[in-house]
Amino acid sequence: MCYHNIILAIDNDQTAQRLFKKLPMLANDQSNIYVVNVISYPDELLGMNGVAAPIENEDNIEDYHIQKHKDFVINEIKKAHLEDDERIHPYVVTGDPRQVLSHELPDELAADLILLGRNNEVKLSDAILLGSTTKYVTHHAPCDVLLVH
């Protein structure tokens, strides 16, 4: 079975490359593949996740982080040798990754599959209080979700 609109959600380079390897089994020549990186707002944009923004003017912090994430997505696409693939669409958005991936983007992009990588680094506070992004998306997404280990 091939999917038409795939959200490939990446958050680090190891996850991204594992996900890209699954595309030949899931997509065909008419598929749209949205390589999505969600910037957690406001923590990451404000540099609260250990990210030091070398910017003197705080008005530019959001632009700096968005560009940094766009560069990350494009670099991961290049590492997978898919930069010339017209099916691939880089996508960077801000917000709560759980909400963005399970509600907003599937509707906006008419997604029929969300492809996620399992991140082994789960904080105890997330597991007890919030649950992981992956767990939330698998329970709330309106389309198929494939979790890649």
N, C-alpha and C. Protein backbone atom coordinates (compact mmCIF):
# COMPACT_ATOMS: atom_id res chain seq x y z
N MET A 1 0.84 -1.18 0.00
CA MET A 1 0.00 0.00 0.00
C MET A 1 0.89 1.24 0.00
N CYS A 2 0.58 2.18 -0.85
CA CYS A 2 1.31 3.45 -0.88
C CYS A 2 0.41 4.56 -0.38
N TYR A 3 1.03 5.49 0.31
CA TYR A 3 0.31 6.63 0.86
C TYR A 3 0.50 7.85 -0.04
N HIS A 4 -0.47 8.74 -0.01
CA HIS A 4 -0.43 9.92 -0.89
C HIS A 4 0.22 11.13 -0.23
N ASN A 5 -0.09 11.38 1.04
CA ASN A 5 0.45 12.54 1.76
C ASN A 5 1.03 12.06 3.08
N ILE A 6 2.35 12.06 3.13
CA ILE A 6 3.06 11.52 4.29
C ILE A 6 3.73 12.64 5.05
N ILE A 7 3.49 12.65 6.36
CA ILE A 7 4.22 13.54 7.26
C ILE A 7 5.35 12.72 7.86
N LEU A 8 6.57 13.11 7.58
CA LEU A 8 7.75 12.45 8.10
C LEU A 8 8.32 13.40 9.16
N ALA A 9 8.06 13.10 10.41
CA ALA A 9 8.42 14.00 11.51
C ALA A 9 9.81 13.67 12.03
N ILE A 10 10.72 14.66 11.95
CA ILE A 10 12.09 14.43 12.41
C ILE A 10 12.42 15.39 13.54
N ASP A 11 13.23 14.90 14.46
CA ASP A 11 13.69 15.77 15.54
C ASP A 11 15.19 15.62 15.80
N ASN A 12 15.81 14.62 15.21
CA ASN A 12 17.27 14.50 15.29
C ASN A 12 17.76 13.70 14.09
N ASP A 13 19.05 13.75 13.84
CA ASP A 13 19.57 13.14 12.62
C ASP A 13 19.45 11.62 12.59
N GLN A 14 19.60 10.96 13.71
CA GLN A 14 19.49 9.50 13.72
C GLN A 14 18.07 9.07 13.37
N THR A 15 17.09 9.73 13.93
CA THR A 15 15.70 9.41 13.63
C THR A 15 15.39 9.68 12.17
N ALA A 16 15.84 10.81 11.65
CA ALA A 16 15.54 11.20 10.28
C ALA A 16 16.02 10.14 9.29
N GLN A 17 17.23 9.69 9.43
CA GLN A 17 17.77 8.74 8.45
C GLN A 17 17.06 7.39 8.53
N ARG A 18 16.64 6.97 9.71
CA ARG A 18 15.85 5.72 9.84
C ARG A 18 14.51 5.87 9.13
N LEU A 19 13.90 7.04 9.25
CA LEU A 19 12.60 7.27 8.62
C LEU A 19 12.72 7.33 7.10
N PHE A 20 13.72 8.01 6.60
CA PHE A 20 13.91 8.12 5.15
C PHE A 20 14.06 6.73 4.50
N LYS A 21 14.68 5.80 5.21
CA LYS A 21 14.88 4.46 4.67
C LYS A 21 13.56 3.71 4.46
N LYS A 22 12.50 4.11 5.14
CA LYS A 22 11.20 3.45 5.01
C LYS A 22 10.38 3.97 3.83
N LEU A 23 10.75 5.11 3.27
CA LEU A 23 9.94 5.72 2.22
C LEU A 23 9.70 4.85 0.99
N PRO A 24 10.69 4.11 0.49
CA PRO A 24 10.41 3.30 -0.71
C PRO A 24 9.26 2.30 -0.53
N MET A 25 9.03 1.86 0.70
CA MET A 25 7.95 0.91 0.96
C MET A 25 6.59 1.59 1.12
N LEU A 26 6.60 2.90 1.35
CA LEU A 26 5.36 3.60 1.72
C LEU A 26 4.87 4.60 0.69
N ALA A 27 5.75 5.06 -0.16
CA ALA A 27 5.41 6.14 -1.09
C ALA A 27 5.58 5.67 -2.53
N ASN A 28 4.85 6.34 -3.42
CA ASN A 28 5.04 6.10 -4.85
C ASN A 28 5.39 7.42 -5.53
N ASP A 29 5.40 7.43 -6.85
CA ASP A 29 5.82 8.63 -7.59
C ASP A 29 4.87 9.81 -7.40
N GLN A 30 3.63 9.55 -7.03
CA GLN A 30 2.66 10.63 -6.84
C GLN A 30 2.54 11.09 -5.38
N SER A 31 3.27 10.48 -4.50
CA SER A 31 3.18 10.83 -3.08
C SER A 31 3.81 12.18 -2.80
N ASN A 32 3.26 12.88 -1.82
CA ASN A 32 3.87 14.08 -1.26
C ASN A 32 4.44 13.70 0.10
N ILE A 33 5.70 14.06 0.33
CA ILE A 33 6.35 13.71 1.59
C ILE A 33 6.77 15.01 2.26
N TYR A 34 6.13 15.31 3.38
CA TYR A 34 6.39 16.54 4.12
C TYR A 34 7.36 16.21 5.25
N VAL A 35 8.60 16.66 5.12
CA VAL A 35 9.61 16.43 6.14
C VAL A 35 9.46 17.56 7.16
N VAL A 36 8.90 17.20 8.31
CA VAL A 36 8.46 18.18 9.29
C VAL A 36 9.36 18.18 10.52
N ASN A 37 9.72 19.38 10.93
CA ASN A 37 10.41 19.58 12.20
C ASN A 37 9.60 20.61 12.96
N VAL A 38 9.17 20.25 14.16
CA VAL A 38 8.34 21.15 14.97
C VAL A 38 9.22 21.78 16.04
N ILE A 39 9.21 23.10 16.08
CA ILE A 39 9.95 23.84 17.09
C ILE A 39 9.02 24.03 18.28
N SER A 40 9.41 23.46 19.41
CA SER A 40 8.61 23.61 20.63
C SER A 40 8.59 25.06 21.05
N TYR A 41 7.41 25.61 21.16
CA TYR A 41 7.29 27.01 21.54
C TYR A 41 6.73 27.06 22.95
N PRO A 42 7.20 27.92 23.84
CA PRO A 42 8.22 28.93 23.63
C PRO A 42 9.61 28.50 24.06
N ASP A 43 9.72 27.36 24.74
CA ASP A 43 11.00 26.97 25.34
C ASP A 43 12.18 27.02 24.38
N GLU A 44 12.06 26.34 23.26
CA GLU A 44 13.21 26.26 22.36
C GLU A 44 13.48 27.60 21.69
N LEU A 45 12.43 28.31 21.32
CA LEU A 45 12.63 29.60 20.67
C LEU A 45 13.31 30.60 21.60
N LEU A 46 13.06 30.45 22.87
CA LEU A 46 13.64 31.37 23.84
C LEU A 46 14.97 30.88 24.39
N GLY A 47 15.45 29.75 23.90
CA GLY A 47 16.75 29.25 24.31
C GLY A 47 16.75 28.57 25.66
N MET A 48 15.61 28.02 26.09
CA MET A 48 15.52 27.41 27.41
C MET A 48 15.86 25.93 27.40
N ASN A 49 16.13 25.34 26.27
CA ASN A 49 16.48 23.93 26.19
C ASN A 49 17.97 23.73 26.02
N GLY A 50 18.76 24.63 26.58
CA GLY A 50 20.20 24.52 26.48
C GLY A 50 20.74 25.04 25.17
N VAL A 51 19.89 25.71 24.40
CA VAL A 51 20.32 26.27 23.12
C VAL A 51 20.67 27.72 23.34
N ALA A 52 21.92 28.05 23.19
CA ALA A 52 22.34 29.43 23.36
C ALA A 52 22.31 30.14 22.02
N ALA A 53 21.44 31.12 21.91
CA ALA A 53 21.32 31.86 20.66
C ALA A 53 22.34 33.00 20.66
N PRO A 54 23.30 32.96 19.73
CA PRO A 54 24.32 34.02 19.69
C PRO A 54 23.78 35.27 19.00
N ILE A 55 22.77 35.86 19.60
CA ILE A 55 22.11 37.01 18.99
C ILE A 55 22.04 38.13 20.02
N GLU A 56 22.43 39.30 19.62
CA GLU A 56 22.40 40.42 20.53
C GLU A 56 21.01 41.04 20.62
N ASN A 57 20.26 41.00 19.53
CA ASN A 57 18.93 41.57 19.50
C ASN A 57 17.90 40.46 19.68
N GLU A 58 17.16 40.48 20.78
CA GLU A 58 16.21 39.41 21.08
C GLU A 58 15.08 39.31 20.08
N ASP A 59 14.81 40.35 19.31
CA ASP A 59 13.76 40.31 18.30
C ASP A 59 14.08 39.30 17.21
N ASN A 60 15.35 38.95 17.06
CA ASN A 60 15.77 38.03 16.01
C ASN A 60 15.89 36.58 16.46
N ILE A 61 15.62 36.30 17.72
CA ILE A 61 15.78 34.94 18.24
C ILE A 61 14.86 33.97 17.52
N GLU A 62 13.60 34.34 17.33
CA GLU A 62 12.67 33.43 16.65
C GLU A 62 13.12 33.15 15.22
N ASP A 63 13.51 34.19 14.49
CA ASP A 63 13.99 34.00 13.13
C ASP A 63 15.23 33.12 13.09
N TYR A 64 16.13 33.32 14.05
CA TYR A 64 17.35 32.52 14.13
C TYR A 64 17.02 31.03 14.30
N HIS A 65 16.12 30.72 15.23
CA HIS A 65 15.77 29.33 15.49
C HIS A 65 15.01 28.70 14.32
N ILE A 66 14.14 29.45 13.71
CA ILE A 66 13.42 28.92 12.56
C ILE A 66 14.40 28.60 11.43
N GLN A 67 15.33 29.50 11.17
CA GLN A 67 16.32 29.25 10.11
C GLN A 67 17.21 28.07 10.46
N LYS A 68 17.59 27.96 11.73
CA LYS A 68 18.42 26.83 12.18
C LYS A 68 17.70 25.51 11.93
N HIS A 69 16.42 25.47 12.20
CA HIS A 69 15.64 24.24 12.00
C HIS A 69 15.41 23.97 10.51
N LYS A 70 15.22 25.01 9.71
CA LYS A 70 15.11 24.81 8.26
C LYS A 70 16.41 24.22 7.72
N ASP A 71 17.53 24.76 8.17
CA ASP A 71 18.83 24.23 7.73
C ASP A 71 18.99 22.76 8.13
N PHE A 72 18.53 22.42 9.33
CA PHE A 72 18.60 21.03 9.80
C PHE A 72 17.78 20.12 8.89
N VAL A 73 16.55 20.52 8.58
CA VAL A 73 15.68 19.70 7.73
C VAL A 73 16.30 19.52 6.34
N ILE A 74 16.77 20.59 5.76
CA ILE A 74 17.36 20.52 4.42
C ILE A 74 18.62 19.66 4.43
N ASN A 75 19.43 19.77 5.48
CA ASN A 75 20.64 18.96 5.60
C ASN A 75 20.29 17.47 5.70
N GLU A 76 19.25 17.14 6.45
CA GLU A 76 18.85 15.73 6.58
C GLU A 76 18.33 15.18 5.26
N ILE A 77 17.62 16.01 4.50
CA ILE A 77 17.14 15.60 3.18
C ILE A 77 18.34 15.34 2.26
N LYS A 78 19.34 16.21 2.33
CA LYS A 78 20.56 16.02 1.52
C LYS A 78 21.31 14.76 1.93
N LYS A 79 21.41 14.49 3.23
CA LYS A 79 22.11 13.29 3.69
C LYS A 79 21.43 12.02 3.19
N ALA A 80 20.12 12.11 2.96
CA ALA A 80 19.37 10.96 2.45
C ALA A 80 19.38 10.93 0.92
N HIS A 81 20.08 11.88 0.31
CA HIS A 81 20.19 12.00 -1.15
C HIS A 81 18.82 12.19 -1.81
N LEU A 82 17.98 13.00 -1.17
CA LEU A 82 16.64 13.25 -1.68
C LEU A 82 16.40 14.71 -2.04
N GLU A 83 17.48 15.50 -2.11
CA GLU A 83 17.32 16.94 -2.35
C GLU A 83 16.73 17.25 -3.73
N ASP A 84 16.86 16.36 -4.68
CA ASP A 84 16.31 16.58 -6.02
C ASP A 84 14.97 15.88 -6.23
N ASP A 85 14.46 15.25 -5.19
CA ASP A 85 13.19 14.54 -5.27
C ASP A 85 12.04 15.55 -5.13
N GLU A 86 11.26 15.72 -6.17
CA GLU A 86 10.18 16.71 -6.18
C GLU A 86 9.04 16.35 -5.22
N ARG A 87 9.02 15.13 -4.73
CA ARG A 87 7.97 14.73 -3.77
C ARG A 87 8.25 15.26 -2.37
N ILE A 88 9.49 15.63 -2.11
CA ILE A 88 9.93 16.04 -0.78
C ILE A 88 9.66 17.53 -0.56
N HIS A 89 8.99 17.83 0.57
CA HIS A 89 8.67 19.22 0.92
C HIS A 89 9.14 19.49 2.35
N PRO A 90 10.20 20.29 2.54
CA PRO A 90 10.65 20.64 3.89
C PRO A 90 9.58 21.51 4.57
N TYR A 91 9.39 21.29 5.85
CA TYR A 91 8.32 21.97 6.57
C TYR A 91 8.78 22.22 8.01
N VAL A 92 8.86 23.46 8.43
CA VAL A 92 9.22 23.80 9.81
C VAL A 92 8.08 24.62 10.39
N VAL A 93 7.58 24.19 11.54
CA VAL A 93 6.48 24.90 12.20
C VAL A 93 6.79 25.05 13.68
N THR A 94 6.14 26.02 14.31
CA THR A 94 6.29 26.20 15.75
C THR A 94 5.01 25.77 16.45
N GLY A 95 5.15 25.34 17.68
CA GLY A 95 3.99 24.95 18.47
C GLY A 95 4.27 23.73 19.30
N ASP A 96 3.23 23.22 19.92
CA ASP A 96 3.31 21.99 20.71
C ASP A 96 3.39 20.82 19.72
N PRO A 97 4.49 20.08 19.70
CA PRO A 97 4.64 18.99 18.72
C PRO A 97 3.47 18.00 18.74
N ARG A 98 2.93 17.73 19.91
CA ARG A 98 1.81 16.78 19.98
C ARG A 98 0.59 17.30 19.23
N GLN A 99 0.26 18.56 19.45
CA GLN A 99 -0.90 19.15 18.78
C GLN A 99 -0.65 19.33 17.28
N VAL A 100 0.52 19.82 16.95
CA VAL A 100 0.86 20.08 15.54
C VAL A 100 0.82 18.79 14.73
N LEU A 101 1.44 17.72 15.26
CA LEU A 101 1.55 16.48 14.51
C LEU A 101 0.28 15.65 14.51
N SER A 102 -0.53 15.77 15.53
CA SER A 102 -1.73 14.92 15.58
C SER A 102 -3.00 15.62 15.13
N HIS A 103 -3.02 16.95 15.13
CA HIS A 103 -4.25 17.65 14.78
C HIS A 103 -4.07 18.64 13.63
N GLU A 104 -3.15 19.56 13.78
CA GLU A 104 -3.03 20.67 12.81
C GLU A 104 -2.53 20.22 11.44
N LEU A 105 -1.36 19.62 11.39
CA LEU A 105 -0.77 19.25 10.09
C LEU A 105 -1.53 18.15 9.35
N PRO A 106 -2.04 17.11 10.01
CA PRO A 106 -2.80 16.12 9.24
C PRO A 106 -3.99 16.73 8.50
N ASP A 107 -4.66 17.66 9.13
CA ASP A 107 -5.78 18.33 8.46
C ASP A 107 -5.30 19.23 7.34
N GLU A 108 -4.29 20.06 7.64
CA GLU A 108 -3.78 21.02 6.67
C GLU A 108 -3.20 20.34 5.43
N LEU A 109 -2.53 19.21 5.62
CA LEU A 109 -1.83 18.55 4.53
C LEU A 109 -2.59 17.33 3.98
N ALA A 110 -3.79 17.08 4.50
CA ALA A 110 -4.58 15.90 4.10
C ALA A 110 -3.74 14.63 4.22
N ALA A 111 -3.04 14.52 5.33
CA ALA A 111 -2.12 13.40 5.54
C ALA A 111 -2.88 12.09 5.72
N ASP A 112 -2.35 11.04 5.11
CA ASP A 112 -2.89 9.72 5.34
C ASP A 112 -1.90 8.82 6.08
N LEU A 113 -0.70 9.38 6.38
CA LEU A 113 0.29 8.67 7.20
C LEU A 113 1.19 9.67 7.91
N ILE A 114 1.45 9.39 9.18
CA ILE A 114 2.47 10.12 9.94
C ILE A 114 3.55 9.11 10.27
N LEU A 115 4.75 9.42 9.88
CA LEU A 115 5.89 8.55 10.10
C LEU A 115 6.74 9.16 11.21
N LEU A 116 6.87 8.44 12.31
CA LEU A 116 7.59 8.94 13.49
C LEU A 116 8.71 7.99 13.88
N GLY A 117 9.76 8.55 14.43
CA GLY A 117 10.82 7.73 15.00
C GLY A 117 10.66 7.68 16.50
N ARG A 118 10.98 6.54 17.06
CA ARG A 118 10.91 6.38 18.51
C ARG A 118 12.17 6.96 19.11
N ASN A 119 11.99 7.90 20.01
CA ASN A 119 13.12 8.50 20.70
C ASN A 119 13.28 7.81 22.04
N ASN A 120 14.42 7.24 22.30
CA ASN A 120 14.65 6.50 23.54
C ASN A 120 14.90 7.41 24.73
N GLU A 121 15.05 8.70 24.49
CA GLU A 121 15.34 9.64 25.57
C GLU A 121 14.04 10.27 26.07
N VAL A 122 13.34 9.57 26.96
CA VAL A 122 12.10 10.08 27.51
C VAL A 122 12.37 10.56 28.93
N LYS A 123 12.03 11.79 29.20
CA LYS A 123 12.21 12.34 30.54
C LYS A 123 11.16 11.73 31.46
N LEU A 124 11.54 11.48 32.68
CA LEU A 124 10.61 10.91 33.65
C LEU A 124 9.39 11.81 33.82
N SER A 125 9.59 13.12 33.88
CA SER A 125 8.47 14.04 34.04
C SER A 125 7.51 13.95 32.86
N ASP A 126 8.03 13.76 31.64
CA ASP A 126 7.17 13.62 30.47
C ASP A 126 6.35 12.33 30.55
N ALA A 127 7.00 11.26 30.96
CA ALA A 127 6.31 9.98 31.00
C ALA A 127 5.19 9.97 32.04
N ILE A 128 5.40 10.64 33.16
CA ILE A 128 4.41 10.65 34.23
C ILE A 128 3.32 11.69 33.98
N LEU A 129 3.71 12.90 33.63
CA LEU A 129 2.75 13.99 33.55
C LEU A 129 2.12 14.18 32.17
N LEU A 130 2.93 14.13 31.14
CA LEU A 130 2.45 14.52 29.82
C LEU A 130 2.35 13.37 28.83
N GLY A 131 3.16 12.38 28.98
CA GLY A 131 3.25 11.35 27.96
C GLY A 131 4.12 11.87 26.83
N SER A 132 4.69 10.96 26.08
CA SER A 132 5.58 11.37 25.01
C SER A 132 4.79 11.86 23.81
N THR A 133 5.47 12.59 22.95
CA THR A 133 4.85 13.06 21.71
C THR A 133 4.39 11.86 20.89
N THR A 134 5.23 10.86 20.79
CA THR A 134 4.89 9.67 20.01
C THR A 134 3.63 9.01 20.53
N LYS A 135 3.54 8.84 21.81
CA LYS A 135 2.36 8.21 22.41
C LYS A 135 1.11 9.04 22.12
N TYR A 136 1.22 10.35 22.27
CA TYR A 136 0.07 11.21 22.04
C TYR A 136 -0.38 11.13 20.58
N VAL A 137 0.56 11.22 19.66
CA VAL A 137 0.22 11.20 18.23
C VAL A 137 -0.42 9.87 17.85
N THR A 138 0.12 8.77 18.35
CA THR A 138 -0.45 7.46 17.99
C THR A 138 -1.88 7.31 18.49
N HIS A 139 -2.23 7.99 19.56
CA HIS A 139 -3.59 7.89 20.10
C HIS A 139 -4.56 8.92 19.54
N HIS A 140 -4.07 10.02 18.98
CA HIS A 140 -4.96 11.10 18.57
C HIS A 140 -4.96 11.45 17.09
N ALA A 141 -4.02 10.95 16.33
CA ALA A 141 -3.95 11.30 14.91
C ALA A 141 -5.15 10.74 14.15
N PRO A 142 -5.65 11.49 13.17
CA PRO A 142 -6.80 11.04 12.39
C PRO A 142 -6.43 10.11 11.23
N CYS A 143 -5.14 9.76 11.13
CA CYS A 143 -4.68 8.92 10.03
C CYS A 143 -3.77 7.83 10.58
N ASP A 144 -3.25 7.02 9.69
CA ASP A 144 -2.32 5.96 10.11
C ASP A 144 -1.05 6.60 10.67
N VAL A 145 -0.48 5.91 11.65
CA VAL A 145 0.79 6.35 12.23
C VAL A 145 1.72 5.14 12.22
N LEU A 146 2.93 5.35 11.70
CA LEU A 146 3.93 4.29 11.69
C LEU A 146 5.08 4.74 12.57
N LEU A 147 5.37 3.93 13.57
CA LEU A 147 6.46 4.20 14.49
C LEU A 147 7.66 3.35 14.10
N VAL A 148 8.79 4.00 13.84
CA VAL A 148 10.00 3.32 13.40
C VAL A 148 11.00 3.31 14.56
N HIS A 149 11.49 2.11 14.86
CA HIS A 149 12.49 1.97 15.93
C HIS A 149 13.87 2.08 15.36
